Amino acid sequence: MKKKIITVFSLLLLAGCTEEPKTLPTETNSPGNGVLDVPTNEDNTLLNDIPEYSALTAHIDLIAYTAHIETDNPGSRVIFYKNVSGVKTYKSIFIKMKTVLKLSSSKMIV
């Protein structure tokens, strides 16, 4: 009887822990590219949902740049910000578990 009760509770516990985490869309701008282009203008609300948004807006004028999400996995998120000329001007790396944001700026990031 104890085995059945333990089995039922274990299954309930596992069933409760299977919720999928919310992530940004995984569509890409071209097949096999792995990069998601996110236009950052006044109408864009996709970047508003990420935890590092307030820190990004304090340092980058997101209306003037286009965000390109290069990597968004469970551990980190890497986003490049291009100016109107298409030059990568900023790069943000967000470590999700530690909630650490690293922001790099350059004339051109390769």
PDB file of N, CA and C in Angstrom:
ATOM      1  N   MET A   1       0.814  -1.188   0.000  1.00  0.00           N
ATOM      2  CA  MET A   1       0.000   0.000   0.000  1.00  0.00           C
ATOM      3  C   MET A   1       0.865   1.264   0.000  1.00  0.00           C
ATOM      4  N   LYS A   2       1.956   1.243   0.752  1.00  0.00           N
ATOM      5  CA  LYS A   2       2.839   2.401   0.811  1.00  0.00           C
ATOM      6  C   LYS A   2       3.468   2.672  -0.558  1.00  0.00           C
ATOM      7  N   LYS A   3       3.793   1.603  -1.279  1.00  0.00           N
ATOM      8  CA  LYS A   3       4.403   1.767  -2.598  1.00  0.00           C
ATOM      9  C   LYS A   3       3.447   2.467  -3.556  1.00  0.00           C
ATOM     10  N   LYS A   4       2.168   2.112  -3.482  1.00  0.00           N
ATOM     11  CA  LYS A   4       1.178   2.745  -4.357  1.00  0.00           C
ATOM     12  C   LYS A   4       1.018   4.225  -4.027  1.00  0.00           C
ATOM     13  N   ILE A   5       0.987   4.556  -2.760  1.00  0.00           N
ATOM     14  CA  ILE A   5       0.837   5.952  -2.354  1.00  0.00           C
ATOM     15  C   ILE A   5       2.057   6.761  -2.787  1.00  0.00           C
ATOM     16  N   ILE A   6       3.243   6.207  -2.582  1.00  0.00           N
ATOM     17  CA  ILE A   6       4.465   6.896  -2.980  1.00  0.00           C
ATOM     18  C   ILE A   6       4.504   7.071  -4.486  1.00  0.00           C
ATOM     19  N   THR A   7       4.076   6.058  -5.227  1.00  0.00           N
ATOM     20  CA  THR A   7       4.057   6.141  -6.685  1.00  0.00           C
ATOM     21  C   THR A   7       3.093   7.229  -7.163  1.00  0.00           C
ATOM     22  N   VAL A   8       1.912   7.289  -6.567  1.00  0.00           N
ATOM     23  CA  VAL A   8       0.921   8.299  -6.956  1.00  0.00           C
ATOM     24  C   VAL A   8       1.445   9.704  -6.656  1.00  0.00           C
ATOM     25  N   PHE A   9       1.993   9.914  -5.465  1.00  0.00           N
ATOM     26  CA  PHE A   9       2.542  11.224  -5.133  1.00  0.00           C
ATOM     27  C   PHE A   9       3.711  11.600  -6.031  1.00  0.00           C
ATOM     28  N   SER A  10       4.534  10.635  -6.388  1.00  0.00           N
ATOM     29  CA  SER A  10       5.663  10.911  -7.283  1.00  0.00           C
ATOM     30  C   SER A  10       5.173  11.338  -8.658  1.00  0.00           C
ATOM     31  N   LEU A  11       4.158  10.658  -9.169  1.00  0.00           N
ATOM     32  CA  LEU A  11       3.603  11.019 -10.474  1.00  0.00           C
ATOM     33  C   LEU A  11       2.966  12.406 -10.442  1.00  0.00           C
ATOM     34  N   LEU A  12       2.275  12.725  -9.359  1.00  0.00           N
ATOM     35  CA  LEU A  12       1.680  14.053  -9.240  1.00  0.00           C
ATOM     36  C   LEU A  12       2.754  15.133  -9.166  1.00  0.00           C
ATOM     37  N   LEU A  13       3.815  14.848  -8.463  1.00  0.00           N
ATOM     38  CA  LEU A  13       4.911  15.799  -8.360  1.00  0.00           C
ATOM     39  C   LEU A  13       5.566  16.034  -9.713  1.00  0.00           C
ATOM     40  N   LEU A  14       5.815  14.964 -10.450  1.00  0.00           N
ATOM     41  CA  LEU A  14       6.428  15.091 -11.773  1.00  0.00           C
ATOM     42  C   LEU A  14       5.497  15.793 -12.756  1.00  0.00           C
ATOM     43  N   ALA A  15       4.203  15.517 -12.657  1.00  0.00           N
ATOM     44  CA  ALA A  15       3.242  16.148 -13.562  1.00  0.00           C
ATOM     45  C   ALA A  15       3.170  17.651 -13.306  1.00  0.00           C
ATOM     46  N   GLY A  16       3.331  18.067 -12.073  1.00  0.00           N
ATOM     47  CA  GLY A  16       3.289  19.483 -11.742  1.00  0.00           C
ATOM     48  C   GLY A  16       4.533  20.232 -12.159  1.00  0.00           C
ATOM     49  N   CYS A  17       5.616  19.543 -12.388  1.00  0.00           N
ATOM     50  CA  CYS A  17       6.888  20.189 -12.729  1.00  0.00           C
ATOM     51  C   CYS A  17       7.187  20.187 -14.218  1.00  0.00           C
ATOM     52  N   THR A  18       6.233  19.831 -15.047  1.00  0.00           N
ATOM     53  CA  THR A  18       6.508  19.714 -16.470  1.00  0.00           C
ATOM     54  C   THR A  18       6.066  20.929 -17.277  1.00  0.00           C
ATOM     55  N   GLU A  19       5.778  22.045 -16.636  1.00  0.00           N
ATOM     56  CA  GLU A  19       5.376  23.235 -17.371  1.00  0.00           C
ATOM     57  C   GLU A  19       6.547  23.762 -18.188  1.00  0.00           C
ATOM     58  N   GLU A  20       6.290  24.063 -19.459  1.00  0.00           N
ATOM     59  CA  GLU A  20       7.345  24.561 -20.333  1.00  0.00           C
ATOM     60  C   GLU A  20       7.628  26.024 -20.023  1.00  0.00           C
ATOM     61  N   PRO A  21       8.893  26.422 -19.986  1.00  0.00           N
ATOM     62  CA  PRO A  21       9.212  27.821 -19.714  1.00  0.00           C
ATOM     63  C   PRO A  21       8.823  28.715 -20.887  1.00  0.00           C
ATOM     64  N   LYS A  22       8.490  29.968 -20.585  1.00  0.00           N
ATOM     65  CA  LYS A  22       8.154  30.922 -21.638  1.00  0.00           C
ATOM     66  C   LYS A  22       9.435  31.419 -22.271  1.00  0.00           C
ATOM     67  N   THR A  23       9.482  31.387 -23.590  1.00  0.00           N
ATOM     68  CA  THR A  23      10.651  31.875 -24.310  1.00  0.00           C
ATOM     69  C   THR A  23      10.191  32.762 -25.450  1.00  0.00           C
ATOM     70  N   LEU A  24      11.124  33.467 -26.016  1.00  0.00           N
ATOM     71  CA  LEU A  24      10.839  34.273 -27.189  1.00  0.00           C
ATOM     72  C   LEU A  24      10.606  33.364 -28.384  1.00  0.00           C
ATOM     73  N   PRO A  25       9.933  33.804 -29.414  1.00  0.00           N
ATOM     74  CA  PRO A  25       9.683  32.971 -30.587  1.00  0.00           C
ATOM     75  C   PRO A  25      10.976  32.428 -31.175  1.00  0.00           C
ATOM     76  N   THR A  26      10.887  31.237 -31.756  1.00  0.00           N
ATOM     77  CA  THR A  26      12.082  30.601 -32.301  1.00  0.00           C
ATOM     78  C   THR A  26      12.138  30.689 -33.816  1.00  0.00           C
ATOM     79  N   GLU A  27      11.301  31.524 -34.412  1.00  0.00           N
ATOM     80  CA  GLU A  27      11.344  31.677 -35.861  1.00  0.00           C
ATOM     81  C   GLU A  27      12.649  32.348 -36.256  1.00  0.00           C
ATOM     82  N   THR A  28      13.121  32.024 -37.442  1.00  0.00           N
ATOM     83  CA  THR A  28      14.359  32.642 -37.912  1.00  0.00           C
ATOM     84  C   THR A  28      14.076  33.439 -39.165  1.00  0.00           C
ATOM     85  N   ASN A  29      14.978  34.364 -39.465  1.00  0.00           N
ATOM     86  CA  ASN A  29      14.764  35.213 -40.630  1.00  0.00           C
ATOM     87  C   ASN A  29      15.165  34.529 -41.927  1.00  0.00           C
ATOM     88  N   SER A  30      15.911  33.451 -41.866  1.00  0.00           N
ATOM     89  CA  SER A  30      16.223  32.664 -43.048  1.00  0.00           C
ATOM     90  C   SER A  30      16.513  31.232 -42.593  1.00  0.00           C
ATOM     91  N   PRO A  31      16.289  30.254 -43.466  1.00  0.00           N
ATOM     92  CA  PRO A  31      16.471  28.868 -43.054  1.00  0.00           C
ATOM     93  C   PRO A  31      17.894  28.587 -42.588  1.00  0.00           C
ATOM     94  N   GLY A  32      17.998  27.979 -41.402  1.00  0.00           N
ATOM     95  CA  GLY A  32      19.300  27.574 -40.889  1.00  0.00           C
ATOM     96  C   GLY A  32      20.125  28.696 -40.293  1.00  0.00           C
ATOM     97  N   ASN A  33      19.601  29.916 -40.252  1.00  0.00           N
ATOM     98  CA  ASN A  33      20.370  31.050 -39.761  1.00  0.00           C
ATOM     99  C   ASN A  33      20.448  31.071 -38.243  1.00  0.00           C
ATOM    100  N   GLY A  34      19.327  30.809 -37.545  1.00  0.00           N
ATOM    101  CA  GLY A  34      19.339  30.798 -36.098  1.00  0.00           C
ATOM    102  C   GLY A  34      19.267  32.180 -35.477  1.00  0.00           C
ATOM    103  N   VAL A  35      18.956  33.210 -36.244  1.00  0.00           N
ATOM    104  CA  VAL A  35      18.889  34.569 -35.723  1.00  0.00           C
ATOM    105  C   VAL A  35      17.460  35.070 -35.896  1.00  0.00           C
ATOM    106  N   LEU A  36      16.910  35.668 -34.839  1.00  0.00           N
ATOM    107  CA  LEU A  36      15.564  36.226 -34.896  1.00  0.00           C
ATOM    108  C   LEU A  36      15.677  37.739 -34.929  1.00  0.00           C
ATOM    109  N   ASP A  37      15.159  38.356 -35.987  1.00  0.00           N
ATOM    110  CA  ASP A  37      15.174  39.812 -36.096  1.00  0.00           C
ATOM    111  C   ASP A  37      13.950  40.360 -35.381  1.00  0.00           C
ATOM    112  N   VAL A  38      14.176  41.263 -34.454  1.00  0.00           N
ATOM    113  CA  VAL A  38      13.094  41.885 -33.711  1.00  0.00           C
ATOM    114  C   VAL A  38      13.187  43.384 -33.923  1.00  0.00           C
ATOM    115  N   PRO A  39      12.296  43.961 -34.733  1.00  0.00           N
ATOM    116  CA  PRO A  39      12.355  45.407 -34.906  1.00  0.00           C
ATOM    117  C   PRO A  39      11.985  46.090 -33.601  1.00  0.00           C
ATOM    118  N   THR A  40      12.821  46.985 -33.132  1.00  0.00           N
ATOM    119  CA  THR A  40      12.566  47.656 -31.856  1.00  0.00           C
ATOM    120  C   THR A  40      12.111  49.078 -32.125  1.00  0.00           C
ATOM    121  N   ASN A  41      10.830  49.233 -32.341  1.00  0.00           N
ATOM    122  CA  ASN A  41      10.264  50.552 -32.510  1.00  0.00           C
ATOM    123  C   ASN A  41       9.135  50.722 -31.496  1.00  0.00           C
ATOM    124  N   GLU A  42       8.381  51.794 -31.602  1.00  0.00           N
ATOM    125  CA  GLU A  42       7.352  52.061 -30.604  1.00  0.00           C
ATOM    126  C   GLU A  42       6.270  50.986 -30.580  1.00  0.00           C
ATOM    127  N   ASP A  43       6.044  50.301 -31.695  1.00  0.00           N
ATOM    128  CA  ASP A  43       4.993  49.299 -31.760  1.00  0.00           C
ATOM    129  C   ASP A  43       5.451  47.936 -31.237  1.00  0.00           C
ATOM    130  N   ASN A  44       6.733  47.745 -31.031  1.00  0.00           N
ATOM    131  CA  ASN A  44       7.249  46.450 -30.616  1.00  0.00           C
ATOM    132  C   ASN A  44       7.031  46.237 -29.124  1.00  0.00           C
ATOM    133  N   THR A  45       6.473  45.075 -28.779  1.00  0.00           N
ATOM    134  CA  THR A  45       6.281  44.749 -27.367  1.00  0.00           C
ATOM    135  C   THR A  45       6.985  43.459 -26.994  1.00  0.00           C
ATOM    136  N   LEU A  46       7.652  42.816 -27.946  1.00  0.00           N
ATOM    137  CA  LEU A  46       8.312  41.536 -27.670  1.00  0.00           C
ATOM    138  C   LEU A  46       9.455  41.688 -26.681  1.00  0.00           C
ATOM    139  N   LEU A  47      10.272  42.713 -26.828  1.00  0.00           N
ATOM    140  CA  LEU A  47      11.394  42.911 -25.913  1.00  0.00           C
ATOM    141  C   LEU A  47      10.945  43.397 -24.544  1.00  0.00           C
ATOM    142  N   ASN A  48       9.732  43.912 -24.425  1.00  0.00           N
ATOM    143  CA  ASN A  48       9.231  44.365 -23.129  1.00  0.00           C
ATOM    144  C   ASN A  48       9.091  43.213 -22.143  1.00  0.00           C
ATOM    145  N   ASP A  49       8.977  41.996 -22.629  1.00  0.00           N
ATOM    146  CA  ASP A  49       8.744  40.843 -21.765  1.00  0.00           C
ATOM    147  C   ASP A  49      10.021  40.235 -21.192  1.00  0.00           C
ATOM    148  N   ILE A  50      11.181  40.654 -21.657  1.00  0.00           N
ATOM    149  CA  ILE A  50      12.415  40.053 -21.156  1.00  0.00           C
ATOM    150  C   ILE A  50      12.847  40.774 -19.876  1.00  0.00           C
ATOM    151  N   PRO A  51      13.439  40.046 -18.926  1.00  0.00           N
ATOM    152  CA  PRO A  51      13.783  40.646 -17.633  1.00  0.00           C
ATOM    153  C   PRO A  51      14.817  41.756 -17.712  1.00  0.00           C
ATOM    154  N   GLU A  52      15.678  41.743 -18.714  1.00  0.00           N
ATOM    155  CA  GLU A  52      16.732  42.743 -18.802  1.00  0.00           C
ATOM    156  C   GLU A  52      16.298  44.011 -19.543  1.00  0.00           C
ATOM    157  N   TYR A  53      15.023  44.120 -19.872  1.00  0.00           N
ATOM    158  CA  TYR A  53      14.531  45.244 -20.678  1.00  0.00           C
ATOM    159  C   TYR A  53      14.801  46.596 -20.025  1.00  0.00           C
ATOM    160  N   SER A  54      14.545  46.736 -18.739  1.00  0.00           N
ATOM    161  CA  SER A  54      14.729  48.038 -18.085  1.00  0.00           C
ATOM    162  C   SER A  54      16.190  48.469 -18.086  1.00  0.00           C
ATOM    163  N   ALA A  55      17.106  47.518 -17.905  1.00  0.00           N
ATOM    164  CA  ALA A  55      18.529  47.853 -17.942  1.00  0.00           C
ATOM    165  C   ALA A  55      18.957  48.229 -19.361  1.00  0.00           C
ATOM    166  N   LEU A  56      18.404  47.553 -20.352  1.00  0.00           N
ATOM    167  CA  LEU A  56      18.746  47.862 -21.741  1.00  0.00           C
ATOM    168  C   LEU A  56      18.272  49.255 -22.130  1.00  0.00           C
ATOM    169  N   THR A  57      17.059  49.602 -21.731  1.00  0.00           N
ATOM    170  CA  THR A  57      16.527  50.915 -22.097  1.00  0.00           C
ATOM    171  C   THR A  57      17.277  52.046 -21.404  1.00  0.00           C
ATOM    172  N   ALA A  58      17.914  51.755 -20.288  1.00  0.00           N
ATOM    173  CA  ALA A  58      18.696  52.778 -19.595  1.00  0.00           C
ATOM    174  C   ALA A  58      19.984  53.107 -20.347  1.00  0.00           C
ATOM    175  N   HIS A  59      20.484  52.169 -21.174  1.00  0.00           N
ATOM    176  CA  HIS A  59      21.769  52.363 -21.850  1.00  0.00           C
ATOM    177  C   HIS A  59      21.676  52.444 -23.371  1.00  0.00           C
ATOM    178  N   ILE A  60      20.589  51.913 -23.946  1.00  0.00           N
ATOM    179  CA  ILE A  60      20.455  51.876 -25.402  1.00  0.00           C
ATOM    180  C   ILE A  60      19.125  52.514 -25.799  1.00  0.00           C
ATOM    181  N   ASP A  61      19.139  53.325 -26.833  1.00  0.00           N
ATOM    182  CA  ASP A  61      17.910  53.862 -27.407  1.00  0.00           C
ATOM    183  C   ASP A  61      17.334  52.775 -28.319  1.00  0.00           C
ATOM    184  N   LEU A  62      16.445  51.961 -27.783  1.00  0.00           N
ATOM    185  CA  LEU A  62      15.942  50.803 -28.523  1.00  0.00           C
ATOM    186  C   LEU A  62      15.102  51.176 -29.736  1.00  0.00           C
ATOM    187  N   ILE A  63      14.637  52.411 -29.805  1.00  0.00           N
ATOM    188  CA  ILE A  63      13.865  52.838 -30.973  1.00  0.00           C
ATOM    189  C   ILE A  63      14.787  53.012 -32.178  1.00  0.00           C
ATOM    190  N   ALA A  64      16.035  53.371 -31.947  1.00  0.00           N
ATOM    191  CA  ALA A  64      16.976  53.641 -33.033  1.00  0.00           C
ATOM    192  C   ALA A  64      17.687  52.380 -33.536  1.00  0.00           C
ATOM    193  N   TYR A  65      17.533  51.255 -32.861  1.00  0.00           N
ATOM    194  CA  TYR A  65      18.258  50.037 -33.225  1.00  0.00           C
ATOM    195  C   TYR A  65      17.296  48.880 -33.463  1.00  0.00           C
ATOM    196  N   THR A  66      17.760  47.915 -34.238  1.00  0.00           N
ATOM    197  CA  THR A  66      17.015  46.695 -34.488  1.00  0.00           C
ATOM    198  C   THR A  66      17.682  45.572 -33.720  1.00  0.00           C
ATOM    199  N   ALA A  67      16.895  44.845 -32.937  1.00  0.00           N
ATOM    200  CA  ALA A  67      17.428  43.747 -32.125  1.00  0.00           C
ATOM    201  C   ALA A  67      17.471  42.469 -32.945  1.00  0.00           C
ATOM    202  N   HIS A  68      18.561  41.719 -32.815  1.00  0.00           N
ATOM    203  CA  HIS A  68      18.729  40.440 -33.491  1.00  0.00           C
ATOM    204  C   HIS A  68      19.094  39.423 -32.416  1.00  0.00           C
ATOM    205  N   ILE A  69      18.123  38.595 -32.033  1.00  0.00           N
ATOM    206  CA  ILE A  69      18.356  37.600 -30.990  1.00  0.00           C
ATOM    207  C   ILE A  69      19.130  36.453 -31.614  1.00  0.00           C
ATOM    208  N   GLU A  70      20.385  36.328 -31.214  1.00  0.00           N
ATOM    209  CA  GLU A  70      21.231  35.281 -31.775  1.00  0.00           C
ATOM    210  C   GLU A  70      21.068  33.975 -31.010  1.00  0.00           C
ATOM    211  N   THR A  71      21.008  34.050 -29.684  1.00  0.00           N
ATOM    212  CA  THR A  71      20.896  32.852 -28.855  1.00  0.00           C
ATOM    213  C   THR A  71      19.899  33.119 -27.744  1.00  0.00           C
ATOM    214  N   ASP A  72      18.960  32.196 -27.555  1.00  0.00           N
ATOM    215  CA  ASP A  72      18.036  32.272 -26.425  1.00  0.00           C
ATOM    216  C   ASP A  72      17.818  30.848 -25.935  1.00  0.00           C
ATOM    217  N   ASN A  73      18.674  30.418 -25.029  1.00  0.00           N
ATOM    218  CA  ASN A  73      18.554  29.077 -24.478  1.00  0.00           C
ATOM    219  C   ASN A  73      18.276  29.189 -22.986  1.00  0.00           C
ATOM    220  N   PRO A  74      18.078  28.083 -22.279  1.00  0.00           N
ATOM    221  CA  PRO A  74      17.735  28.162 -20.848  1.00  0.00           C
ATOM    222  C   PRO A  74      18.789  28.856 -19.987  1.00  0.00           C
ATOM    223  N   GLY A  75      20.038  28.913 -20.413  1.00  0.00           N
ATOM    224  CA  GLY A  75      21.086  29.499 -19.590  1.00  0.00           C
ATOM    225  C   GLY A  75      21.394  30.951 -19.889  1.00  0.00           C
ATOM    226  N   SER A  76      21.273  31.356 -21.157  1.00  0.00           N
ATOM    227  CA  SER A  76      21.656  32.724 -21.509  1.00  0.00           C
ATOM    228  C   SER A  76      20.920  33.191 -22.755  1.00  0.00           C
ATOM    229  N   ARG A  77      20.983  34.519 -22.958  1.00  0.00           N
ATOM    230  CA  ARG A  77      20.388  35.120 -24.148  1.00  0.00           C
ATOM    231  C   ARG A  77      21.382  36.140 -24.696  1.00  0.00           C
ATOM    232  N   VAL A  78      21.691  36.055 -25.997  1.00  0.00           N
ATOM    233  CA  VAL A  78      22.603  36.990 -26.654  1.00  0.00           C
ATOM    234  C   VAL A  78      21.809  37.747 -27.707  1.00  0.00           C
ATOM    235  N   ILE A  79      21.854  39.078 -27.612  1.00  0.00           N
ATOM    236  CA  ILE A  79      21.129  39.931 -28.556  1.00  0.00           C
ATOM    237  C   ILE A  79      22.100  40.956 -29.131  1.00  0.00           C
ATOM    238  N   PHE A  80      22.103  41.088 -30.461  1.00  0.00           N
ATOM    239  CA  PHE A  80      22.857  42.135 -31.138  1.00  0.00           C
ATOM    240  C   PHE A  80      21.896  43.253 -31.511  1.00  0.00           C
ATOM    241  N   TYR A  81      22.382  44.481 -31.447  1.00  0.00           N
ATOM    242  CA  TYR A  81      21.585  45.641 -31.820  1.00  0.00           C
ATOM    243  C   TYR A  81      22.276  46.337 -32.983  1.00  0.00           C
ATOM    244  N   LYS A  82      21.564  46.427 -34.113  1.00  0.00           N
ATOM    245  CA  LYS A  82      22.118  47.035 -35.318  1.00  0.00           C
ATOM    246  C   LYS A  82      21.507  48.411 -35.531  1.00  0.00           C
ATOM    247  N   ASN A  83      22.320  49.320 -36.051  1.00  0.00           N
ATOM    248  CA  ASN A  83      21.811  50.652 -36.380  1.00  0.00           C
ATOM    249  C   ASN A  83      21.124  50.605 -37.740  1.00  0.00           C
ATOM    250  N   VAL A  84      20.679  51.748 -38.238  1.00  0.00           N
ATOM    251  CA  VAL A  84      19.944  51.784 -39.510  1.00  0.00           C
ATOM    252  C   VAL A  84      20.807  51.361 -40.687  1.00  0.00           C
ATOM    253  N   SER A  85      22.133  51.455 -40.546  1.00  0.00           N
ATOM    254  CA  SER A  85      23.046  51.029 -41.616  1.00  0.00           C
ATOM    255  C   SER A  85      23.296  49.521 -41.592  1.00  0.00           C
ATOM    256  N   GLY A  86      22.799  48.840 -40.575  1.00  0.00           N
ATOM    257  CA  GLY A  86      23.003  47.404 -40.469  1.00  0.00           C
ATOM    258  C   GLY A  86      24.278  47.015 -39.737  1.00  0.00           C
ATOM    259  N   VAL A  87      24.926  47.977 -39.091  1.00  0.00           N
ATOM    260  CA  VAL A  87      26.172  47.719 -38.364  1.00  0.00           C
ATOM    261  C   VAL A  87      25.827  47.305 -36.935  1.00  0.00           C
ATOM    262  N   LYS A  88      26.416  46.204 -36.473  1.00  0.00           N
ATOM    263  CA  LYS A  88      26.216  45.756 -35.096  1.00  0.00           C
ATOM    264  C   LYS A  88      26.911  46.736 -34.159  1.00  0.00           C
ATOM    265  N   THR A  89      26.115  47.454 -33.392  1.00  0.00           N
ATOM    266  CA  THR A  89      26.650  48.507 -32.537  1.00  0.00           C
ATOM    267  C   THR A  89      26.706  48.080 -31.074  1.00  0.00           C
ATOM    268  N   TYR A  90      25.716  47.327 -30.620  1.00  0.00           N
ATOM    269  CA  TYR A  90      25.667  46.851 -29.237  1.00  0.00           C
ATOM    270  C   TYR A  90      25.475  45.344 -29.210  1.00  0.00           C
ATOM    271  N   LYS A  91      25.928  44.737 -28.123  1.00  0.00           N
ATOM    272  CA  LYS A  91      25.725  43.315 -27.894  1.00  0.00           C
ATOM    273  C   LYS A  91      25.388  43.153 -26.415  1.00  0.00           C
ATOM    274  N   SER A  92      24.280  42.456 -26.132  1.00  0.00           N
ATOM    275  CA  SER A  92      23.926  42.194 -24.739  1.00  0.00           C
ATOM    276  C   SER A  92      23.957  40.686 -24.500  1.00  0.00           C
ATOM    277  N   ILE A  93      24.524  40.322 -23.364  1.00  0.00           N
ATOM    278  CA  ILE A  93      24.564  38.921 -22.932  1.00  0.00           C
ATOM    279  C   ILE A  93      23.894  38.875 -21.568  1.00  0.00           C
ATOM    280  N   PHE A  94      22.811  38.116 -21.473  1.00  0.00           N
ATOM    281  CA  PHE A  94      22.069  37.997 -20.215  1.00  0.00           C
ATOM    282  C   PHE A  94      22.193  36.572 -19.710  1.00  0.00           C
ATOM    283  N   ILE A  95      22.792  36.403 -18.527  1.00  0.00           N
ATOM    284  CA  ILE A  95      22.903  35.093 -17.874  1.00  0.00           C
ATOM    285  C   ILE A  95      21.669  34.943 -17.001  1.00  0.00           C
ATOM    286  N   LYS A  96      20.786  34.027 -17.369  1.00  0.00           N
ATOM    287  CA  LYS A  96      19.476  33.932 -16.741  1.00  0.00           C
ATOM    288  C   LYS A  96      19.521  33.454 -15.293  1.00  0.00           C
ATOM    289  N   MET A  97      20.303  32.450 -14.982  1.00  0.00           N
ATOM    290  CA  MET A  97      20.319  31.901 -13.627  1.00  0.00           C
ATOM    291  C   MET A  97      20.873  32.904 -12.611  1.00  0.00           C
ATOM    292  N   LYS A  98      21.835  33.703 -13.017  1.00  0.00           N
ATOM    293  CA  LYS A  98      22.448  34.681 -12.110  1.00  0.00           C
ATOM    294  C   LYS A  98      21.847  36.070 -12.285  1.00  0.00           C
ATOM    295  N   THR A  99      20.981  36.235 -13.268  1.00  0.00           N
ATOM    296  CA  THR A  99      20.397  37.526 -13.660  1.00  0.00           C
ATOM    297  C   THR A  99      21.472  38.610 -13.794  1.00  0.00           C
ATOM    298  N   VAL A 100      22.487  38.284 -14.597  1.00  0.00           N
ATOM    299  CA  VAL A 100      23.591  39.201 -14.867  1.00  0.00           C
ATOM    300  C   VAL A 100      23.505  39.631 -16.326  1.00  0.00           C
ATOM    301  N   LEU A 101      23.631  40.930 -16.556  1.00  0.00           N
ATOM    302  CA  LEU A 101      23.596  41.478 -17.910  1.00  0.00           C
ATOM    303  C   LEU A 101      24.937  42.110 -18.225  1.00  0.00           C
ATOM    304  N   LYS A 102      25.526  41.720 -19.362  1.00  0.00           N
ATOM    305  CA  LYS A 102      26.752  42.335 -19.842  1.00  0.00           C
ATOM    306  C   LYS A 102      26.399  43.036 -21.145  1.00  0.00           C
ATOM    307  N   LEU A 103      26.761  44.303 -21.233  1.00  0.00           N
ATOM    308  CA  LEU A 103      26.456  45.095 -22.411  1.00  0.00           C
ATOM    309  C   LEU A 103      27.749  45.633 -22.997  1.00  0.00           C
ATOM    310  N   SER A 104      27.976  45.335 -24.277  1.00  0.00           N
ATOM    311  CA  SER A 104      29.179  45.807 -24.966  1.00  0.00           C
ATOM    312  C   SER A 104      28.760  46.780 -26.053  1.00  0.00           C
ATOM    313  N   SER A 105      29.541  47.835 -26.211  1.00  0.00           N
ATOM    314  CA  SER A 105      29.275  48.765 -27.307  1.00  0.00           C
ATOM    315  C   SER A 105      30.564  48.966 -28.091  1.00  0.00           C
ATOM    316  N   SER A 106      30.399  49.091 -29.384  1.00  0.00           N
ATOM    317  CA  SER A 106      31.542  49.258 -30.277  1.00  0.00           C
ATOM    318  C   SER A 106      31.026  49.831 -31.573  1.00  0.00           C
ATOM    319  N   LYS A 107      31.963  50.322 -32.380  1.00  0.00           N
ATOM    320  CA  LYS A 107      31.547  50.779 -33.707  1.00  0.00           C
ATOM    321  C   LYS A 107      31.115  49.604 -34.558  1.00  0.00           C
ATOM    322  N   MET A 108      31.785  48.477 -34.383  1.00  0.00           N
ATOM    323  CA  MET A 108      31.405  47.284 -35.115  1.00  0.00           C
ATOM    324  C   MET A 108      31.773  46.064 -34.291  1.00  0.00           C
ATOM    325  N   ILE A 109      30.801  45.232 -34.002  1.00  0.00           N
ATOM    326  CA  ILE A 109      31.031  43.997 -33.271  1.00  0.00           C
ATOM    327  C   ILE A 109      30.919  42.857 -34.268  1.00  0.00           C
ATOM    328  N   VAL A 110      31.930  42.021 -34.309  1.00  0.00           N
ATOM    329  CA  VAL A 110      31.934  40.905 -35.252  1.00  0.00           C
ATOM    330  C   VAL A 110      31.522  39.639 -34.568  1.00  0.00           C
TER     331      VAL A 110
END
